[in-house]
Amino acid sequence: MPQVMAKVGRVGRILGPRGLMPNPKTGTVTQDVGAAVDDIKSGKIAFRVDKYGIIHSSIGRVSFTPDKLVDNASEFLSTLVRLKPSSAKGIYMRSITVASTMSPGIKIDAKIVR
């Protein structure tokens, strides 16, 4: 909630670099906490783009089945293709790599997404 942000700001040096700092733009700071939790549980896709154009997002947890992970990854990639601006010319996605938190990445063929 916005009233608690002053207290959370004190640990910003710890939460910020990890990407855990609440932010009104991402919907993690709101008066209606119940609606925010429902949005996330219903499958709201949240991703961030760094200054190099790399998109970071979570597509699942360790407890998910392989089929569920594949479904989530394909839905995420189709969402990215839908969000492509009409003014973007040329190759939109050059490469796709999937990795868990502490493991090497696995390359995915970017041609299957187009």
Protein backbone atom coordinates (compact mmCIF):
# COMPACT_ATOMS: atom_id res chain seq x y z
CA MET A 1 0.00 0.00 0.00
CA PRO A 2 1.23 3.54 -0.65
CA GLN A 3 1.30 4.36 3.08
CA VAL A 4 3.94 1.67 3.72
CA MET A 5 6.28 2.74 0.89
CA ALA A 6 8.24 5.07 3.21
CA LYS A 7 9.19 2.11 5.39
CA VAL A 8 9.91 -0.17 2.41
CA GLY A 9 12.10 2.54 0.87
CA ARG A 10 14.64 2.02 3.65
CA VAL A 11 15.47 -1.45 2.32
CA GLY A 12 15.47 -0.25 -1.29
CA ARG A 13 19.21 -0.83 -1.63
CA ILE A 14 18.60 -4.52 -0.97
CA LEU A 15 15.34 -5.02 -2.90
CA GLY A 16 16.10 -2.76 -5.87
CA PRO A 17 18.98 -4.65 -7.52
CA ARG A 18 17.07 -7.94 -7.12
CA GLY A 19 14.02 -6.51 -8.90
CA LEU A 20 11.82 -6.94 -5.81
CA MET A 21 11.10 -3.29 -5.05
CA PRO A 22 7.35 -2.51 -5.22
CA ASN A 23 6.45 -0.12 -8.02
CA PRO A 24 3.14 1.60 -8.89
CA LYS A 25 3.83 1.11 -12.62
CA THR A 26 3.88 -2.67 -12.25
CA GLY A 27 0.78 -2.70 -10.04
CA THR A 28 2.56 -3.84 -6.89
CA VAL A 29 1.71 -0.63 -5.00
CA THR A 30 -2.05 -0.18 -4.85
CA GLN A 31 -4.88 0.60 -2.46
CA ASP A 32 -6.79 -2.51 -3.58
CA VAL A 33 -4.41 -5.31 -2.60
CA GLY A 34 -7.03 -8.03 -3.14
CA ALA A 35 -7.54 -7.06 -6.80
CA ALA A 36 -3.77 -7.00 -7.38
CA VAL A 37 -3.42 -10.52 -5.94
CA ASP A 38 -6.35 -11.75 -8.08
CA ASP A 39 -4.75 -10.25 -11.22
CA ILE A 40 -1.49 -12.05 -10.59
CA LYS A 41 -3.21 -15.35 -9.80
CA SER A 42 -5.34 -15.10 -12.94
CA GLY A 43 -2.24 -15.01 -15.15
CA LYS A 44 -1.18 -11.40 -15.53
CA ILE A 45 2.06 -11.40 -17.50
CA ALA A 46 4.64 -9.00 -16.11
CA PHE A 47 7.99 -8.52 -17.77
CA ARG A 48 10.73 -5.95 -17.81
CA VAL A 49 13.13 -4.81 -20.48
CA ASP A 50 16.66 -3.77 -19.62
CA LYS A 51 18.68 -1.08 -21.39
CA TYR A 52 20.10 -3.64 -23.84
CA GLY A 53 16.66 -4.70 -25.07
CA ILE A 54 16.68 -8.02 -23.22
CA ILE A 55 13.27 -9.07 -21.89
CA HIS A 56 13.20 -10.70 -18.44
CA SER A 57 10.14 -12.62 -17.29
CA SER A 58 9.14 -15.64 -15.27
CA ILE A 59 7.24 -18.39 -17.07
CA GLY A 60 6.86 -20.84 -14.21
CA ARG A 61 8.08 -22.47 -11.04
CA VAL A 62 9.96 -25.67 -10.27
CA SER A 63 6.72 -27.35 -9.27
CA PHE A 64 5.15 -26.84 -12.73
CA THR A 65 4.85 -29.77 -15.11
CA PRO A 66 6.83 -29.62 -18.39
CA ASP A 67 3.59 -29.22 -20.37
CA LYS A 68 2.55 -26.25 -18.25
CA LEU A 69 5.96 -24.61 -18.74
CA VAL A 70 5.72 -25.07 -22.51
CA ASP A 71 2.22 -23.58 -22.52
CA ASN A 72 3.35 -20.59 -20.46
CA ALA A 73 6.42 -20.00 -22.67
CA SER A 74 4.40 -20.16 -25.89
CA GLU A 75 1.76 -17.82 -24.47
CA PHE A 76 4.46 -15.36 -23.38
CA LEU A 77 6.13 -15.40 -26.80
CA SER A 78 2.81 -14.96 -28.61
CA THR A 79 2.05 -12.00 -26.34
CA LEU A 80 5.38 -10.43 -27.25
CA VAL A 81 4.66 -10.89 -30.96
CA ARG A 82 1.23 -9.28 -30.50
CA LEU A 83 2.83 -6.30 -28.70
CA LYS A 84 5.27 -5.68 -31.57
CA PRO A 85 4.90 -2.07 -32.70
CA SER A 86 3.79 -1.65 -36.30
CA SER A 87 6.70 0.76 -36.85
CA ALA A 88 9.27 -1.94 -35.97
CA LYS A 89 10.94 -3.18 -39.12
CA GLY A 90 13.32 -6.08 -39.64
CA ILE A 91 13.91 -8.92 -37.22
CA TYR A 92 11.95 -8.36 -34.00
CA MET A 93 13.44 -11.21 -31.94
CA ARG A 94 17.00 -12.18 -32.75
CA SER A 95 17.41 -14.93 -30.18
CA ILE A 96 15.47 -16.63 -27.41
CA THR A 97 17.12 -18.21 -24.38
CA VAL A 98 15.37 -19.88 -21.47
CA ALA A 99 17.18 -20.35 -18.16
CA SER A 100 16.38 -21.04 -14.55
CA THR A 101 17.82 -18.77 -11.89
CA MET A 102 21.16 -20.52 -11.41
CA SER A 103 21.69 -22.52 -14.59
CA PRO A 104 23.03 -22.05 -18.10
CA GLY A 105 20.57 -20.93 -20.75
CA ILE A 106 18.96 -23.12 -23.38
CA LYS A 107 18.63 -21.55 -26.83
CA ILE A 108 15.24 -21.73 -28.57
CA ASP A 109 14.85 -21.38 -32.32
CA ALA A 110 13.46 -17.86 -32.85
CA LYS A 111 12.05 -18.78 -36.29
CA ILE A 112 9.27 -20.87 -34.74
CA VAL A 113 7.83 -17.78 -33.03
CA ARG A 114 7.27 -15.68 -36.15
